[in-house]
Amino acid sequence: MTGARYGELASLRASDFNADSGTVHVRTSKSGRGRHIVLGNEGIAVFKSFVAGKSGEVRLLARSDGTAWTKSLQARPMAQACKCAKIEPEISFHVSDIPGHRLL
């Protein structure tokens, strides 16, 4: 829904989502510059659920124990998901589109 890289999503804070404009602010991208990502209606709804009950600088996305997503934390689950979904070749976290699949 965002096209954002894993590291960009991992660094998001609750204040980076703006429900009024329907955007997520990536403070620092791979290029070193920030950018705003415009979300569709489904993305807005998902991010509203992510920010519910969170304030300002709290991480928007965290592990179930509240700790931050760390580098490569997604690798094993992505590999398992690809295996279960019979996606070959295996894809990485940052993919723009796969017909019939929804991505964050």
C-alpha atoms as a PDB file:
ATOM      1  CA  MET A   1       0.000   0.000   0.000  1.00  0.00           C
ATOM      2  CA  THR A   2       2.929   2.350   0.550  1.00  0.00           C
ATOM      3  CA  GLY A   3       5.784   1.180  -1.657  1.00  0.00           C
ATOM      4  CA  ALA A   4       8.016   2.005   1.315  1.00  0.00           C
ATOM      5  CA  ARG A   5      11.095   0.017   2.143  1.00  0.00           C
ATOM      6  CA  TYR A   6      11.187  -2.119   5.291  1.00  0.00           C
ATOM      7  CA  GLY A   7      13.589   0.270   7.046  1.00  0.00           C
ATOM      8  CA  GLU A   8      11.375   3.241   6.194  1.00  0.00           C
ATOM      9  CA  LEU A   9       8.341   1.518   7.716  1.00  0.00           C
ATOM     10  CA  ALA A  10      10.352   0.411  10.754  1.00  0.00           C
ATOM     11  CA  SER A  11      11.323   4.000  11.529  1.00  0.00           C
ATOM     12  CA  LEU A  12       7.818   5.498  11.263  1.00  0.00           C
ATOM     13  CA  ARG A  13       6.387   7.265  14.304  1.00  0.00           C
ATOM     14  CA  ALA A  14       2.697   7.755  14.998  1.00  0.00           C
ATOM     15  CA  SER A  15       3.054  11.451  14.131  1.00  0.00           C
ATOM     16  CA  ASP A  16       4.274  10.527  10.633  1.00  0.00           C
ATOM     17  CA  PHE A  17       0.751   9.533   9.615  1.00  0.00           C
ATOM     18  CA  ASN A  18      -1.603  12.362   8.670  1.00  0.00           C
ATOM     19  CA  ALA A  19      -5.181  11.112   8.403  1.00  0.00           C
ATOM     20  CA  ASP A  20      -6.430  14.487   7.103  1.00  0.00           C
ATOM     21  CA  SER A  21      -4.165  14.413   4.054  1.00  0.00           C
ATOM     22  CA  GLY A  22      -4.043  10.617   3.835  1.00  0.00           C
ATOM     23  CA  THR A  23      -0.258  10.547   3.843  1.00  0.00           C
ATOM     24  CA  VAL A  24       2.667   8.947   5.623  1.00  0.00           C
ATOM     25  CA  HIS A  25       5.837  10.993   6.056  1.00  0.00           C
ATOM     26  CA  VAL A  26       9.062   9.071   5.544  1.00  0.00           C
ATOM     27  CA  ARG A  27      11.570  11.290   7.312  1.00  0.00           C
ATOM     28  CA  THR A  28      14.667   9.846   5.646  1.00  0.00           C
ATOM     29  CA  SER A  29      14.535   7.669   2.564  1.00  0.00           C
ATOM     30  CA  LYS A  30      17.288   5.706   0.854  1.00  0.00           C
ATOM     31  CA  SER A  31      18.218   8.891  -1.020  1.00  0.00           C
ATOM     32  CA  GLY A  32      18.672  10.703   2.306  1.00  0.00           C
ATOM     33  CA  ARG A  33      15.676  12.961   1.718  1.00  0.00           C
ATOM     34  CA  GLY A  34      12.236  12.751   3.209  1.00  0.00           C
ATOM     35  CA  ARG A  35       9.050  12.236   1.257  1.00  0.00           C
ATOM     36  CA  HIS A  36       5.298  11.984   1.734  1.00  0.00           C
ATOM     37  CA  ILE A  37       3.507   8.864   0.531  1.00  0.00           C
ATOM     38  CA  VAL A  38      -0.119   9.312  -0.500  1.00  0.00           C
ATOM     39  CA  LEU A  39      -2.303   6.436   0.672  1.00  0.00           C
ATOM     40  CA  GLY A  40      -5.492   5.079  -0.838  1.00  0.00           C
ATOM     41  CA  ASN A  41      -8.638   4.597   1.232  1.00  0.00           C
ATOM     42  CA  GLU A  42      -7.599   1.108   2.349  1.00  0.00           C
ATOM     43  CA  GLY A  43      -4.151   2.345   3.360  1.00  0.00           C
ATOM     44  CA  ILE A  44      -5.658   5.215   5.319  1.00  0.00           C
ATOM     45  CA  ALA A  45      -7.901   2.791   7.193  1.00  0.00           C
ATOM     46  CA  VAL A  46      -4.960   0.496   7.979  1.00  0.00           C
ATOM     47  CA  PHE A  47      -2.767   3.340   9.213  1.00  0.00           C
ATOM     48  CA  LYS A  48      -5.628   4.731  11.311  1.00  0.00           C
ATOM     49  CA  SER A  49      -5.754   1.368  13.067  1.00  0.00           C
ATOM     50  CA  PHE A  50      -1.966   1.481  13.547  1.00  0.00           C
ATOM     51  CA  VAL A  51      -2.059   4.912  15.245  1.00  0.00           C
ATOM     52  CA  ALA A  52      -5.090   4.218  17.430  1.00  0.00           C
ATOM     53  CA  GLY A  53      -4.104   4.906  21.040  1.00  0.00           C
ATOM     54  CA  LYS A  54      -0.566   6.003  20.133  1.00  0.00           C
ATOM     55  CA  SER A  55       0.861   9.449  20.534  1.00  0.00           C
ATOM     56  CA  GLY A  56       3.498  11.441  18.682  1.00  0.00           C
ATOM     57  CA  GLU A  57       6.906   9.821  18.800  1.00  0.00           C
ATOM     58  CA  VAL A  58       5.778   6.281  19.612  1.00  0.00           C
ATOM     59  CA  ARG A  59       6.848   3.801  16.939  1.00  0.00           C
ATOM     60  CA  LEU A  60       4.005   3.213  14.537  1.00  0.00           C
ATOM     61  CA  LEU A  61       4.997  -0.400  13.914  1.00  0.00           C
ATOM     62  CA  ALA A  62       6.565  -2.572  16.587  1.00  0.00           C
ATOM     63  CA  ARG A  63       6.943  -6.203  17.529  1.00  0.00           C
ATOM     64  CA  SER A  64       4.303  -7.793  19.741  1.00  0.00           C
ATOM     65  CA  ASP A  65       6.502  -7.136  22.800  1.00  0.00           C
ATOM     66  CA  GLY A  66       6.713  -3.436  21.881  1.00  0.00           C
ATOM     67  CA  THR A  67      10.318  -3.473  20.703  1.00  0.00           C
ATOM     68  CA  ALA A  68      11.376  -1.967  17.393  1.00  0.00           C
ATOM     69  CA  TRP A  69      11.550  -3.845  14.133  1.00  0.00           C
ATOM     70  CA  THR A  70      15.205  -4.645  13.553  1.00  0.00           C
ATOM     71  CA  LYS A  71      17.192  -5.100  10.380  1.00  0.00           C
ATOM     72  CA  SER A  72      16.281  -8.308   8.539  1.00  0.00           C
ATOM     73  CA  LEU A  73      13.555  -9.223  11.059  1.00  0.00           C
ATOM     74  CA  GLN A  74      11.244  -9.715   8.089  1.00  0.00           C
ATOM     75  CA  ALA A  75      13.486 -12.153   6.176  1.00  0.00           C
ATOM     76  CA  ARG A  76      12.326 -15.466   7.674  1.00  0.00           C
ATOM     77  CA  PRO A  77       8.607 -14.588   7.763  1.00  0.00           C
ATOM     78  CA  MET A  78       8.796 -13.369   4.148  1.00  0.00           C
ATOM     79  CA  ALA A  79      10.516 -16.575   3.062  1.00  0.00           C
ATOM     80  CA  GLN A  80       7.881 -18.648   4.855  1.00  0.00           C
ATOM     81  CA  ALA A  81       5.047 -16.588   3.362  1.00  0.00           C
ATOM     82  CA  CYS A  82       6.474 -17.048  -0.133  1.00  0.00           C
ATOM     83  CA  LYS A  83       6.758 -20.772   0.465  1.00  0.00           C
ATOM     84  CA  CYS A  84       3.165 -21.024   1.739  1.00  0.00           C
ATOM     85  CA  ALA A  85       1.832 -18.866  -1.112  1.00  0.00           C
ATOM     86  CA  LYS A  86       3.965 -20.750  -3.666  1.00  0.00           C
ATOM     87  CA  ILE A  87       5.569 -17.527  -4.868  1.00  0.00           C
ATOM     88  CA  GLU A  88       8.621 -18.361  -6.938  1.00  0.00           C
ATOM     89  CA  PRO A  89      11.086 -16.930  -7.171  1.00  0.00           C
ATOM     90  CA  GLU A  90      10.952 -15.734  -3.590  1.00  0.00           C
ATOM     91  CA  ILE A  91      10.330 -11.996  -3.319  1.00  0.00           C
ATOM     92  CA  SER A  92      11.753  -9.404  -0.982  1.00  0.00           C
ATOM     93  CA  PHE A  93       9.816  -7.103   1.312  1.00  0.00           C
ATOM     94  CA  HIS A  94      10.074  -4.128  -1.050  1.00  0.00           C
ATOM     95  CA  VAL A  95       8.044  -5.003  -4.123  1.00  0.00           C
ATOM     96  CA  SER A  96       5.702  -2.633  -5.883  1.00  0.00           C
ATOM     97  CA  ASP A  97       3.108  -5.102  -7.170  1.00  0.00           C
ATOM     98  CA  ILE A  98       2.324  -8.756  -7.485  1.00  0.00           C
ATOM     99  CA  PRO A  99      -0.991  -9.474  -9.192  1.00  0.00           C
ATOM    100  CA  GLY A 100      -3.497 -10.857  -6.695  1.00  0.00           C
ATOM    101  CA  HIS A 101      -1.436  -9.993  -3.589  1.00  0.00           C
ATOM    102  CA  ARG A 102      -1.791  -7.084  -1.178  1.00  0.00           C
ATOM    103  CA  LEU A 103       1.356  -5.508   0.181  1.00  0.00           C
ATOM    104  CA  LEU A 104       1.896  -3.026   2.964  1.00  0.00           C
END
